C-alpha cells in the first residue's frame, strides 16, 4: 500500500509539475503558429514586420494593380469551406497556380507571378484555407489542405479552361502541393512543379525554428506534432515530403537558398535524390532567408524558372 501511494504521488507530481505545464506551453505555441482565431490573423496584409517581406508584398501589390484589368475574383467550395483566389487572365490556355506558405495570402503570391506571366501563363493566386479571404480555422500543414489544391487544379482546368498547369509552391505551399500531386490522377493536367524551400517534414522545419530562438526541442516538438495529428487525423511525419516525393513523376524544380536555416539545403539534396521524376532540377542560390530567395537575386531566380519551363516543351 505504501509503495502504491508513493507511485501515485510521483505520478501526480509528474503530471502537476511537468506534463501539464509543458502541454499548456505547447498549446500556446500551436495556437500562435497554426490556429486562426479571427479573419485579421493571416489576412491579405503583409504577414510580419520584416523589411524584405514588406518589399516583396509591395512589389507584388504593384504587380496586381498593374494588371487589374486582367483580374477576377474566383472561388470554390471544399468540404464546408469557401476558398477564394484571384485569377489573372492573359489570354493563354495555361496557368501558373501559386501556393503561398504559412501566414501568407494570394496577394503575397503576386510577387512570384511575373516570371510566369512573362512566359505566357495566366496566374491563379489562391488564399489557402484559413488564410486571406478563405474560410478555415486551422493550418494543418497540408494534411487536409491538399484536397483544396486538387479542387483548384480541377477548377483551373475544367472551369477556367486551362489545358496545362504549372504549380509554384513556397515552403508549406510546396509540401501541400506535393500531398495533392501524389494522389491518383492529380498529375494529369500538371506539366511541372516548382518548390521553393520545401522541407523534408514539418517537424524538422519546426525544430529549426525552435533552435533559432534558443528554445528547448523536447518535449515541445513532439507535443506540437501530436496536436497537429489530433486536428488533421494524419501524422505530419508519415505524410511528409520525404515520404511522398518518390511518387512524383512530373518535371520538378527544387529551389533553395544556402542561407535558409529552416528548410536546410542539405536536406533539399536528399529530397532531390529521392524524387521520382526523371526530369528534375535543383538550384541553390547564395543569398536569401527562408522564402526570400527571389528578392535577393531576381534575375537569376526568374532565369531559373524560364529555363525549367522551356525544358517542359522539349
C-alpha atoms as a PDB file:
ATOM      1  CA  UNK A   1       0.000   0.000   0.000  1.00  0.00           C
ATOM      2  CA  UNK A   2       2.809   2.401   0.870  1.00  0.00           C
ATOM      3  CA  UNK A   3       4.520   1.591  -2.433  1.00  0.00           C
ATOM      4  CA  UNK A   4       1.271   2.339  -4.308  1.00  0.00           C
ATOM      5  CA  UNK A   5       0.879   5.662  -2.522  1.00  0.00           C
ATOM      6  CA  UNK A   6       4.471   6.597  -3.393  1.00  0.00           C
ATOM      7  CA  UNK A   7       3.948   5.672  -7.062  1.00  0.00           C
ATOM      8  CA  UNK A   8       0.721   7.679  -7.225  1.00  0.00           C
ATOM      9  CA  UNK A   9       2.427  10.624  -5.569  1.00  0.00           C
ATOM     10  CA  UNK A  10       5.262  10.516  -8.093  1.00  0.00           C
ATOM     11  CA  UNK A  11       2.764  10.261 -10.934  1.00  0.00           C
ATOM     12  CA  UNK A  12       0.764  13.169  -9.539  1.00  0.00           C
ATOM     13  CA  UNK A  13       3.879  15.303  -9.172  1.00  0.00           C
ATOM     14  CA  UNK A  14       4.902  14.435 -12.748  1.00  0.00           C
ATOM     15  CA  UNK A  15       1.518  15.495 -14.094  1.00  0.00           C
ATOM     16  CA  UNK A  16       1.308  18.621 -11.980  1.00  0.00           C
ATOM     17  CA  UNK A  17       4.817  19.980 -12.361  1.00  0.00           C
ATOM     18  CA  UNK A  18       5.903  18.685 -15.772  1.00  0.00           C
ATOM     19  CA  UNK A  19       3.396  17.204 -18.194  1.00  0.00           C
ATOM     20  CA  UNK A  20       0.515  19.654 -17.722  1.00  0.00           C
ATOM     21  CA  UNK A  21       2.712  22.803 -17.807  1.00  0.00           C
ATOM     22  CA  UNK A  22       4.578  21.653 -20.925  1.00  0.00           C
ATOM     23  CA  UNK A  23       1.301  20.757 -22.654  1.00  0.00           C
ATOM     24  CA  UNK A  24      -0.055  24.201 -21.844  1.00  0.00           C
ATOM     25  CA  UNK A  25       3.057  25.841 -23.302  1.00  0.00           C
ATOM     26  CA  UNK A  26       2.881  23.609 -26.397  1.00  0.00           C
ATOM     27  CA  UNK A  27      -0.766  24.543 -26.859  1.00  0.00           C
ATOM     28  CA  UNK A  28       0.166  28.231 -26.824  1.00  0.00           C
ATOM     29  CA  UNK A  29       2.884  27.600 -29.428  1.00  0.00           C
ATOM     30  CA  UNK A  30       0.482  25.555 -31.558  1.00  0.00           C
ATOM     31  CA  UNK A  31      -2.233  28.215 -31.339  1.00  0.00           C
ATOM     32  CA  UNK A  32       0.130  31.041 -32.295  1.00  0.00           C
ATOM     33  CA  UNK A  33       1.611  29.144 -35.239  1.00  0.00           C
ATOM     34  CA  UNK A  34      -1.319  27.169 -36.626  1.00  0.00           C
ATOM     35  CA  UNK A  35      -4.688  28.499 -35.427  1.00  0.00           C
ATOM     36  CA  UNK A  36      -6.531  31.496 -36.846  1.00  0.00           C
ATOM     37  CA  UNK A  37      -8.973  32.821 -34.265  1.00  0.00           C
ATOM     38  CA  UNK A  38     -10.215  35.695 -36.427  1.00  0.00           C
ATOM     39  CA  UNK A  39     -10.005  36.971 -40.022  1.00  0.00           C
ATOM     40  CA  UNK A  40      -7.474  39.646 -39.051  1.00  0.00           C
ATOM     41  CA  UNK A  41      -4.893  36.920 -38.481  1.00  0.00           C
ATOM     42  CA  UNK A  42      -3.213  35.779 -41.715  1.00  0.00           C
ATOM     43  CA  UNK A  43      -5.194  38.331 -43.682  1.00  0.00           C
ATOM     44  CA  UNK A  44      -4.290  39.791 -47.055  1.00  0.00           C
ATOM     45  CA  UNK A  45      -1.931  42.273 -45.416  1.00  0.00           C
ATOM     46  CA  UNK A  46       1.816  41.831 -45.046  1.00  0.00           C
ATOM     47  CA  UNK A  47       2.338  38.984 -42.601  1.00  0.00           C
ATOM     48  CA  UNK A  48       5.188  40.182 -40.381  1.00  0.00           C
ATOM     49  CA  UNK A  49       7.437  43.122 -39.673  1.00  0.00           C
ATOM     50  CA  UNK A  50      10.402  42.489 -41.949  1.00  0.00           C
ATOM     51  CA  UNK A  51      11.941  44.861 -44.480  1.00  0.00           C
ATOM     52  CA  UNK A  52      12.352  42.283 -47.246  1.00  0.00           C
ATOM     53  CA  UNK A  53       8.901  40.846 -46.616  1.00  0.00           C
ATOM     54  CA  UNK A  54       7.401  44.327 -46.888  1.00  0.00           C
ATOM     55  CA  UNK A  55       9.242  44.979 -50.164  1.00  0.00           C
ATOM     56  CA  UNK A  56       8.057  41.670 -51.607  1.00  0.00           C
ATOM     57  CA  UNK A  57       4.494  42.454 -50.582  1.00  0.00           C
ATOM     58  CA  UNK A  58       4.635  45.987 -52.019  1.00  0.00           C
ATOM     59  CA  UNK A  59       6.154  44.838 -55.323  1.00  0.00           C
ATOM     60  CA  UNK A  60       3.532  42.103 -55.569  1.00  0.00           C
ATOM     61  CA  UNK A  61       0.712  44.532 -54.868  1.00  0.00           C
ATOM     62  CA  UNK A  62       2.032  46.868 -57.567  1.00  0.00           C
ATOM     63  CA  UNK A  63       2.078  43.915 -59.957  1.00  0.00           C
ATOM     64  CA  UNK A  64      -1.548  43.107 -59.128  1.00  0.00           C
ATOM     65  CA  UNK A  65      -2.606  46.732 -59.605  1.00  0.00           C
ATOM     66  CA  UNK A  66      -0.783  46.888 -62.935  1.00  0.00           C
ATOM     67  CA  UNK A  67      -2.871  44.017 -64.281  1.00  0.00           C
ATOM     68  CA  UNK A  68      -6.119  44.941 -62.541  1.00  0.00           C
ATOM     69  CA  UNK A  69      -7.997  44.717 -65.847  1.00  0.00           C
ATOM     70  CA  UNK A  70      -6.960  41.060 -66.140  1.00  0.00           C
ATOM     71  CA  UNK A  71      -8.005  40.097 -62.601  1.00  0.00           C
ATOM     72  CA  UNK A  72     -11.209  38.488 -61.425  1.00  0.00           C
ATOM     73  CA  UNK A  73     -12.251  37.006 -58.107  1.00  0.00           C
ATOM     74  CA  UNK A  74     -12.818  33.240 -58.168  1.00  0.00           C
ATOM     75  CA  UNK A  75     -13.950  30.807 -55.507  1.00  0.00           C
ATOM     76  CA  UNK A  76     -14.532  27.117 -54.901  1.00  0.00           C
ATOM     77  CA  UNK A  77     -16.073  25.098 -52.084  1.00  0.00           C
ATOM     78  CA  UNK A  78     -14.260  22.207 -50.440  1.00  0.00           C
ATOM     79  CA  UNK A  79     -15.930  20.411 -47.544  1.00  0.00           C
ATOM     80  CA  UNK A  80     -17.629  23.268 -45.658  1.00  0.00           C
ATOM     81  CA  UNK A  81     -15.055  25.888 -46.638  1.00  0.00           C
ATOM     82  CA  UNK A  82     -15.433  28.676 -49.153  1.00  0.00           C
ATOM     83  CA  UNK A  83     -11.985  29.215 -50.696  1.00  0.00           C
ATOM     84  CA  UNK A  84     -11.042  32.371 -52.569  1.00  0.00           C
ATOM     85  CA  UNK A  85      -8.498  33.190 -55.243  1.00  0.00           C
ATOM     86  CA  UNK A  86      -7.606  35.819 -57.819  1.00  0.00           C
ATOM     87  CA  UNK A  87      -7.329  34.809 -61.474  1.00  0.00           C
ATOM     88  CA  UNK A  88      -5.323  36.880 -63.949  1.00  0.00           C
ATOM     89  CA  UNK A  89      -6.430  36.015 -67.475  1.00  0.00           C
ATOM     90  CA  UNK A  90      -3.754  36.924 -70.004  1.00  0.00           C
ATOM     91  CA  UNK A  91      -5.492  35.066 -72.823  1.00  0.00           C
ATOM     92  CA  UNK A  92      -3.468  31.888 -72.526  1.00  0.00           C
ATOM     93  CA  UNK A  93      -4.570  28.262 -72.234  1.00  0.00           C
ATOM     94  CA  UNK A  94      -2.075  27.505 -69.474  1.00  0.00           C
ATOM     95  CA  UNK A  95      -1.854  28.747 -65.905  1.00  0.00           C
ATOM     96  CA  UNK A  96       0.578  29.003 -63.009  1.00  0.00           C
ATOM     97  CA  UNK A  97      -1.085  28.070 -59.722  1.00  0.00           C
ATOM     98  CA  UNK A  98       0.872  29.745 -56.917  1.00  0.00           C
ATOM     99  CA  UNK A  99       0.513  28.349 -53.398  1.00  0.00           C
ATOM    100  CA  UNK A 100       1.856  30.546 -50.578  1.00  0.00           C
ATOM    101  CA  UNK A 101       3.251  29.382 -47.275  1.00  0.00           C
ATOM    102  CA  UNK A 102       2.066  29.718 -43.691  1.00  0.00           C
ATOM    103  CA  UNK A 103       0.658  33.150 -42.752  1.00  0.00           C
ATOM    104  CA  UNK A 104       0.590  34.299 -46.406  1.00  0.00           C
ATOM    105  CA  UNK A 105      -2.318  35.003 -48.752  1.00  0.00           C
ATOM    106  CA  UNK A 106      -2.684  35.042 -52.509  1.00  0.00           C
ATOM    107  CA  UNK A 107      -1.800  38.730 -52.516  1.00  0.00           C
ATOM    108  CA  UNK A 108       1.693  37.793 -51.353  1.00  0.00           C
ATOM    109  CA  UNK A 109       1.866  35.288 -54.230  1.00  0.00           C
ATOM    110  CA  UNK A 110       1.671  38.099 -56.771  1.00  0.00           C
ATOM    111  CA  UNK A 111       5.355  38.686 -56.076  1.00  0.00           C
ATOM    112  CA  UNK A 112       6.187  35.299 -57.642  1.00  0.00           C
ATOM    113  CA  UNK A 113       3.901  35.737 -60.659  1.00  0.00           C
ATOM    114  CA  UNK A 114       5.922  37.842 -63.075  1.00  0.00           C
ATOM    115  CA  UNK A 115       8.279  35.151 -64.449  1.00  0.00           C
ATOM    116  CA  UNK A 116       5.258  33.018 -65.343  1.00  0.00           C
ATOM    117  CA  UNK A 117       3.331  35.895 -66.908  1.00  0.00           C
ATOM    118  CA  UNK A 118       6.415  36.693 -68.995  1.00  0.00           C
ATOM    119  CA  UNK A 119       6.424  33.066 -70.175  1.00  0.00           C
ATOM    120  CA  UNK A 120       2.809  33.290 -71.351  1.00  0.00           C
ATOM    121  CA  UNK A 121       0.932  31.868 -68.373  1.00  0.00           C
ATOM    122  CA  UNK A 122      -2.263  33.009 -66.739  1.00  0.00           C
ATOM    123  CA  UNK A 123      -1.932  33.344 -62.972  1.00  0.00           C
ATOM    124  CA  UNK A 124      -4.097  31.779 -60.257  1.00  0.00           C
ATOM    125  CA  UNK A 125      -3.127  33.118 -56.810  1.00  0.00           C
ATOM    126  CA  UNK A 126      -5.076  31.483 -54.007  1.00  0.00           C
ATOM    127  CA  UNK A 127      -5.816  32.178 -50.364  1.00  0.00           C
ATOM    128  CA  UNK A 128      -5.105  28.883 -48.632  1.00  0.00           C
ATOM    129  CA  UNK A 129      -7.641  27.500 -46.198  1.00  0.00           C
ATOM    130  CA  UNK A 130      -7.646  29.669 -43.026  1.00  0.00           C
ATOM    131  CA  UNK A 131      -5.788  32.469 -44.834  1.00  0.00           C
ATOM    132  CA  UNK A 132      -6.820  35.683 -46.559  1.00  0.00           C
ATOM    133  CA  UNK A 133     -10.477  35.670 -47.579  1.00  0.00           C
ATOM    134  CA  UNK A 134     -10.792  31.873 -47.400  1.00  0.00           C
ATOM    135  CA  UNK A 135     -12.658  30.111 -44.606  1.00  0.00           C
ATOM    136  CA  UNK A 136     -10.982  27.962 -42.005  1.00  0.00           C
ATOM    137  CA  UNK A 137      -9.521  27.991 -38.527  1.00  0.00           C
ATOM    138  CA  UNK A 138      -6.633  25.500 -38.531  1.00  0.00           C
ATOM    139  CA  UNK A 139      -3.486  25.242 -40.594  1.00  0.00           C
ATOM    140  CA  UNK A 140      -2.962  21.507 -40.961  1.00  0.00           C
ATOM    141  CA  UNK A 141       0.385  21.900 -42.793  1.00  0.00           C
ATOM    142  CA  UNK A 142      -1.026  20.381 -45.981  1.00  0.00           C
ATOM    143  CA  UNK A 143      -2.511  17.268 -44.392  1.00  0.00           C
ATOM    144  CA  UNK A 144      -6.062  18.455 -45.100  1.00  0.00           C
ATOM    145  CA  UNK A 145      -5.395  21.361 -47.454  1.00  0.00           C
ATOM    146  CA  UNK A 146      -4.188  19.033 -50.214  1.00  0.00           C
ATOM    147  CA  UNK A 147      -7.868  18.473 -51.055  1.00  0.00           C
ATOM    148  CA  UNK A 148      -8.171  22.198 -51.718  1.00  0.00           C
ATOM    149  CA  UNK A 149      -5.268  22.076 -54.181  1.00  0.00           C
ATOM    150  CA  UNK A 150      -6.854  19.150 -56.011  1.00  0.00           C
ATOM    151  CA  UNK A 151     -10.050  21.192 -56.300  1.00  0.00           C
ATOM    152  CA  UNK A 152      -8.149  24.254 -57.569  1.00  0.00           C
ATOM    153  CA  UNK A 153      -6.371  22.116 -60.177  1.00  0.00           C
ATOM    154  CA  UNK A 154      -9.691  20.781 -61.444  1.00  0.00           C
ATOM    155  CA  UNK A 155     -11.224  24.261 -61.379  1.00  0.00           C
ATOM    156  CA  UNK A 156      -8.319  25.740 -63.332  1.00  0.00           C
ATOM    157  CA  UNK A 157      -8.710  23.031 -65.964  1.00  0.00           C
ATOM    158  CA  UNK A 158     -12.470  22.495 -66.136  1.00  0.00           C
ATOM    159  CA  UNK A 159     -13.882  25.947 -65.397  1.00  0.00           C
ATOM    160  CA  UNK A 160     -11.074  28.306 -66.397  1.00  0.00           C
ATOM    161  CA  UNK A 161     -10.262  26.182 -69.483  1.00  0.00           C
ATOM    162  CA  UNK A 162      -6.522  25.895 -68.978  1.00  0.00           C
ATOM    163  CA  UNK A 163      -5.058  22.884 -70.761  1.00  0.00           C
ATOM    164  CA  UNK A 164      -1.798  22.928 -68.818  1.00  0.00           C
ATOM    165  CA  UNK A 165      -0.956  23.848 -65.235  1.00  0.00           C
ATOM    166  CA  UNK A 166       2.332  24.549 -63.533  1.00  0.00           C
ATOM    167  CA  UNK A 167       2.420  24.727 -59.735  1.00  0.00           C
ATOM    168  CA  UNK A 168       4.699  27.025 -57.761  1.00  0.00           C
ATOM    169  CA  UNK A 169       4.699  26.306 -54.023  1.00  0.00           C
ATOM    170  CA  UNK A 170       6.500  28.196 -51.270  1.00  0.00           C
ATOM    171  CA  UNK A 171       7.510  26.320 -48.080  1.00  0.00           C
ATOM    172  CA  UNK A 172       4.329  24.716 -46.673  1.00  0.00           C
ATOM    173  CA  UNK A 173       2.715  25.580 -50.003  1.00  0.00           C
ATOM    174  CA  UNK A 174       5.109  23.220 -51.763  1.00  0.00           C
ATOM    175  CA  UNK A 175       4.502  20.437 -49.219  1.00  0.00           C
ATOM    176  CA  UNK A 176       0.738  20.913 -49.622  1.00  0.00           C
ATOM    177  CA  UNK A 177       1.045  20.757 -53.396  1.00  0.00           C
ATOM    178  CA  UNK A 178       3.077  17.559 -53.176  1.00  0.00           C
ATOM    179  CA  UNK A 179       0.456  15.958 -50.929  1.00  0.00           C
ATOM    180  CA  UNK A 180      -2.074  16.748 -53.665  1.00  0.00           C
ATOM    181  CA  UNK A 181       0.030  15.716 -56.644  1.00  0.00           C
ATOM    182  CA  UNK A 182       0.745  12.206 -55.365  1.00  0.00           C
ATOM    183  CA  UNK A 183      -2.983  11.429 -55.416  1.00  0.00           C
ATOM    184  CA  UNK A 184      -4.186   9.299 -58.307  1.00  0.00           C
ATOM    185  CA  UNK A 185      -4.843  11.333 -61.446  1.00  0.00           C
ATOM    186  CA  UNK A 186      -3.639  14.618 -59.956  1.00  0.00           C
ATOM    187  CA  UNK A 187      -0.634  14.823 -62.264  1.00  0.00           C
ATOM    188  CA  UNK A 188      -2.730  14.550 -65.445  1.00  0.00           C
ATOM    189  CA  UNK A 189      -3.142  18.291 -66.004  1.00  0.00           C
ATOM    190  CA  UNK A 190       0.029  19.449 -64.260  1.00  0.00           C
ATOM    191  CA  UNK A 191       3.060  19.822 -66.502  1.00  0.00           C
ATOM    192  CA  UNK A 192       5.572  20.911 -63.882  1.00  0.00           C
ATOM    193  CA  UNK A 193       6.135  21.664 -60.209  1.00  0.00           C
ATOM    194  CA  UNK A 194       8.395  24.336 -58.693  1.00  0.00           C
ATOM    195  CA  UNK A 195       9.114  24.019 -54.958  1.00  0.00           C
ATOM    196  CA  UNK A 196      10.710  26.993 -53.230  1.00  0.00           C
ATOM    197  CA  UNK A 197      12.107  25.958 -49.832  1.00  0.00           C
ATOM    198  CA  UNK A 198      10.410  22.571 -49.441  1.00  0.00           C
ATOM    199  CA  UNK A 199      11.231  20.898 -46.111  1.00  0.00           C
ATOM    200  CA  UNK A 200      11.635  17.139 -45.632  1.00  0.00           C
ATOM    201  CA  UNK A 201       8.925  17.184 -42.955  1.00  0.00           C
ATOM    202  CA  UNK A 202       7.212  19.844 -40.892  1.00  0.00           C
ATOM    203  CA  UNK A 203       8.739  18.535 -37.673  1.00  0.00           C
ATOM    204  CA  UNK A 204      12.223  19.298 -38.995  1.00  0.00           C
ATOM    205  CA  UNK A 205      11.167  22.796 -40.052  1.00  0.00           C
ATOM    206  CA  UNK A 206       9.514  23.449 -36.672  1.00  0.00           C
ATOM    207  CA  UNK A 207      12.570  22.142 -34.826  1.00  0.00           C
ATOM    208  CA  UNK A 208      14.807  24.562 -36.719  1.00  0.00           C
ATOM    209  CA  UNK A 209      12.563  27.458 -35.693  1.00  0.00           C
ATOM    210  CA  UNK A 210      12.988  26.453 -32.042  1.00  0.00           C
ATOM    211  CA  UNK A 211      16.757  26.164 -32.447  1.00  0.00           C
ATOM    212  CA  UNK A 212      16.935  29.666 -33.933  1.00  0.00           C
ATOM    213  CA  UNK A 213      15.012  31.028 -30.955  1.00  0.00           C
ATOM    214  CA  UNK A 214      17.168  29.067 -28.470  1.00  0.00           C
ATOM    215  CA  UNK A 215      14.146  27.148 -27.185  1.00  0.00           C
ATOM    216  CA  UNK A 216      14.226  23.545 -25.932  1.00  0.00           C
ATOM    217  CA  UNK A 217      13.245  20.930 -28.503  1.00  0.00           C
ATOM    218  CA  UNK A 218      11.899  18.420 -26.004  1.00  0.00           C
ATOM    219  CA  UNK A 219       9.068  17.958 -25.286  1.00  0.00           C
ATOM    220  CA  UNK A 220       7.582  20.805 -27.336  1.00  0.00           C
ATOM    221  CA  UNK A 221       8.420  19.445 -30.788  1.00  0.00           C
ATOM    222  CA  UNK A 222       6.653  16.158 -30.138  1.00  0.00           C
ATOM    223  CA  UNK A 223       3.728  17.717 -28.315  1.00  0.00           C
ATOM    224  CA  UNK A 224       3.010  20.198 -31.129  1.00  0.00           C
ATOM    225  CA  UNK A 225       3.236  17.373 -33.707  1.00  0.00           C
ATOM    226  CA  UNK A 226       0.738  15.433 -31.583  1.00  0.00           C
ATOM    227  CA  UNK A 227      -1.649  18.408 -31.645  1.00  0.00           C
ATOM    228  CA  UNK A 228      -1.366  18.610 -35.437  1.00  0.00           C
ATOM    229  CA  UNK A 229      -2.180  14.898 -35.606  1.00  0.00           C
ATOM    230  CA  UNK A 230      -5.250  15.293 -33.385  1.00  0.00           C
ATOM    231  CA  UNK A 231      -6.684  18.006 -35.661  1.00  0.00           C
ATOM    232  CA  UNK A 232      -5.573  16.670 -39.048  1.00  0.00           C
ATOM    233  CA  UNK A 233      -6.105  12.970 -38.215  1.00  0.00           C
ATOM    234  CA  UNK A 234      -2.860  12.271 -40.074  1.00  0.00           C
ATOM    235  CA  UNK A 235       0.738  12.090 -38.999  1.00  0.00           C
ATOM    236  CA  UNK A 236       2.771  15.106 -40.180  1.00  0.00           C
ATOM    237  CA  UNK A 237       5.820  12.839 -40.265  1.00  0.00           C
ATOM    238  CA  UNK A 238       4.269   9.962 -42.224  1.00  0.00           C
ATOM    239  CA  UNK A 239       2.608  12.235 -44.806  1.00  0.00           C
ATOM    240  CA  UNK A 240       5.670  14.387 -45.334  1.00  0.00           C
ATOM    241  CA  UNK A 241       7.623  15.339 -48.468  1.00  0.00           C
ATOM    242  CA  UNK A 242      10.422  12.862 -47.757  1.00  0.00           C
ATOM    243  CA  UNK A 243       7.867  10.029 -47.658  1.00  0.00           C
ATOM    244  CA  UNK A 244       5.906  11.225 -50.714  1.00  0.00           C
ATOM    245  CA  UNK A 245       8.441  12.621 -53.178  1.00  0.00           C
ATOM    246  CA  UNK A 246       9.248   9.256 -54.773  1.00  0.00           C
ATOM    247  CA  UNK A 247       5.641   9.127 -56.052  1.00  0.00           C
ATOM    248  CA  UNK A 248       6.070  12.316 -58.091  1.00  0.00           C
ATOM    249  CA  UNK A 249       6.722  11.720 -61.787  1.00  0.00           C
ATOM    250  CA  UNK A 250       6.177  15.112 -63.420  1.00  0.00           C
ATOM    251  CA  UNK A 251       9.111  17.504 -64.034  1.00  0.00           C
ATOM    252  CA  UNK A 252      10.205  19.252 -60.838  1.00  0.00           C
ATOM    253  CA  UNK A 253      12.418  22.178 -59.907  1.00  0.00           C
ATOM    254  CA  UNK A 254      13.751  22.484 -56.349  1.00  0.00           C
ATOM    255  CA  UNK A 255      14.819  25.970 -55.218  1.00  0.00           C
ATOM    256  CA  UNK A 256      16.857  26.610 -52.082  1.00  0.00           C
ATOM    257  CA  UNK A 257      18.888  29.374 -50.508  1.00  0.00           C
ATOM    258  CA  UNK A 258      22.211  28.422 -48.955  1.00  0.00           C
ATOM    259  CA  UNK A 259      21.282  30.810 -46.118  1.00  0.00           C
ATOM    260  CA  UNK A 260      17.985  29.078 -45.284  1.00  0.00           C
ATOM    261  CA  UNK A 261      18.093  27.843 -41.688  1.00  0.00           C
ATOM    262  CA  UNK A 262      14.567  26.377 -41.691  1.00  0.00           C
ATOM    263  CA  UNK A 263      14.454  24.273 -44.871  1.00  0.00           C
ATOM    264  CA  UNK A 264      18.077  23.235 -44.947  1.00  0.00           C
ATOM    265  CA  UNK A 265      19.615  22.989 -48.438  1.00  0.00           C
ATOM    266  CA  UNK A 266      21.490  19.812 -47.442  1.00  0.00           C
ATOM    267  CA  UNK A 267      18.146  18.123 -46.796  1.00  0.00           C
ATOM    268  CA  UNK A 268      16.865  19.547 -50.069  1.00  0.00           C
ATOM    269  CA  UNK A 269      19.501  17.410 -51.773  1.00  0.00           C
ATOM    270  CA  UNK A 270      18.040  14.370 -50.016  1.00  0.00           C
ATOM    271  CA  UNK A 271      14.583  15.219 -51.395  1.00  0.00           C
ATOM    272  CA  UNK A 272      16.034  15.772 -54.859  1.00  0.00           C
ATOM    273  CA  UNK A 273      17.757  12.396 -54.874  1.00  0.00           C
ATOM    274  CA  UNK A 274      14.592  10.586 -53.764  1.00  0.00           C
ATOM    275  CA  UNK A 275      12.263  12.440 -56.169  1.00  0.00           C
ATOM    276  CA  UNK A 276      10.638  10.011 -58.603  1.00  0.00           C
ATOM    277  CA  UNK A 277      10.689  12.397 -61.566  1.00  0.00           C
ATOM    278  CA  UNK A 278      13.032  11.570 -64.426  1.00  0.00           C
ATOM    279  CA  UNK A 279      13.175  15.259 -65.314  1.00  0.00           C
ATOM    280  CA  UNK A 280      14.227  17.177 -62.222  1.00  0.00           C
ATOM    281  CA  UNK A 281      16.499  20.081 -61.364  1.00  0.00           C
ATOM    282  CA  UNK A 282      17.804  21.639 -58.170  1.00  0.00           C
ATOM    283  CA  UNK A 283      19.147  25.159 -57.797  1.00  0.00           C
ATOM    284  CA  UNK A 284      20.975  26.579 -54.797  1.00  0.00           C
ATOM    285  CA  UNK A 285      21.055  30.359 -54.551  1.00  0.00           C
ATOM    286  CA  UNK A 286      23.739  32.079 -52.473  1.00  0.00           C
ATOM    287  CA  UNK A 287      21.508  34.546 -50.626  1.00  0.00           C
ATOM    288  CA  UNK A 288      18.113  34.914 -49.002  1.00  0.00           C
ATOM    289  CA  UNK A 289      16.496  33.751 -45.799  1.00  0.00           C
ATOM    290  CA  UNK A 290      13.627  31.288 -45.973  1.00  0.00           C
ATOM    291  CA  UNK A 291      11.182  32.165 -48.824  1.00  0.00           C
ATOM    292  CA  UNK A 292      13.240  35.275 -49.644  1.00  0.00           C
ATOM    293  CA  UNK A 293      15.307  33.810 -52.459  1.00  0.00           C
ATOM    294  CA  UNK A 294      13.854  35.806 -55.352  1.00  0.00           C
ATOM    295  CA  UNK A 295      14.106  39.222 -53.663  1.00  0.00           C
ATOM    296  CA  UNK A 296      17.874  38.706 -53.289  1.00  0.00           C
ATOM    297  CA  UNK A 297      18.602  37.605 -56.875  1.00  0.00           C
ATOM    298  CA  UNK A 298      15.617  38.409 -59.071  1.00  0.00           C
ATOM    299  CA  UNK A 299      17.211  37.958 -62.489  1.00  0.00           C
ATOM    300  CA  UNK A 300      18.820  34.616 -61.670  1.00  0.00           C
ATOM    301  CA  UNK A 301      15.650  33.335 -59.978  1.00  0.00           C
ATOM    302  CA  UNK A 302      13.478  34.245 -62.966  1.00  0.00           C
ATOM    303  CA  UNK A 303      16.020  32.822 -65.401  1.00  0.00           C
ATOM    304  CA  UNK A 304      15.993  29.537 -63.489  1.00  0.00           C
ATOM    305  CA  UNK A 305      12.197  29.387 -63.813  1.00  0.00           C
ATOM    306  CA  UNK A 306      12.427  30.255 -67.522  1.00  0.00           C
ATOM    307  CA  UNK A 307      14.976  27.529 -68.206  1.00  0.00           C
ATOM    308  CA  UNK A 308      12.879  24.966 -66.329  1.00  0.00           C
ATOM    309  CA  UNK A 309       9.669  25.902 -68.132  1.00  0.00           C
ATOM    310  CA  UNK A 310      11.371  25.874 -71.539  1.00  0.00           C
ATOM    311  CA  UNK A 311      12.564  22.338 -70.783  1.00  0.00           C
ATOM    312  CA  UNK A 312       8.938  21.252 -70.352  1.00  0.00           C
ATOM    313  CA  UNK A 313       8.199  21.682 -74.048  1.00  0.00           C
ATOM    314  CA  UNK A 314      11.202  19.665 -75.222  1.00  0.00           C
END
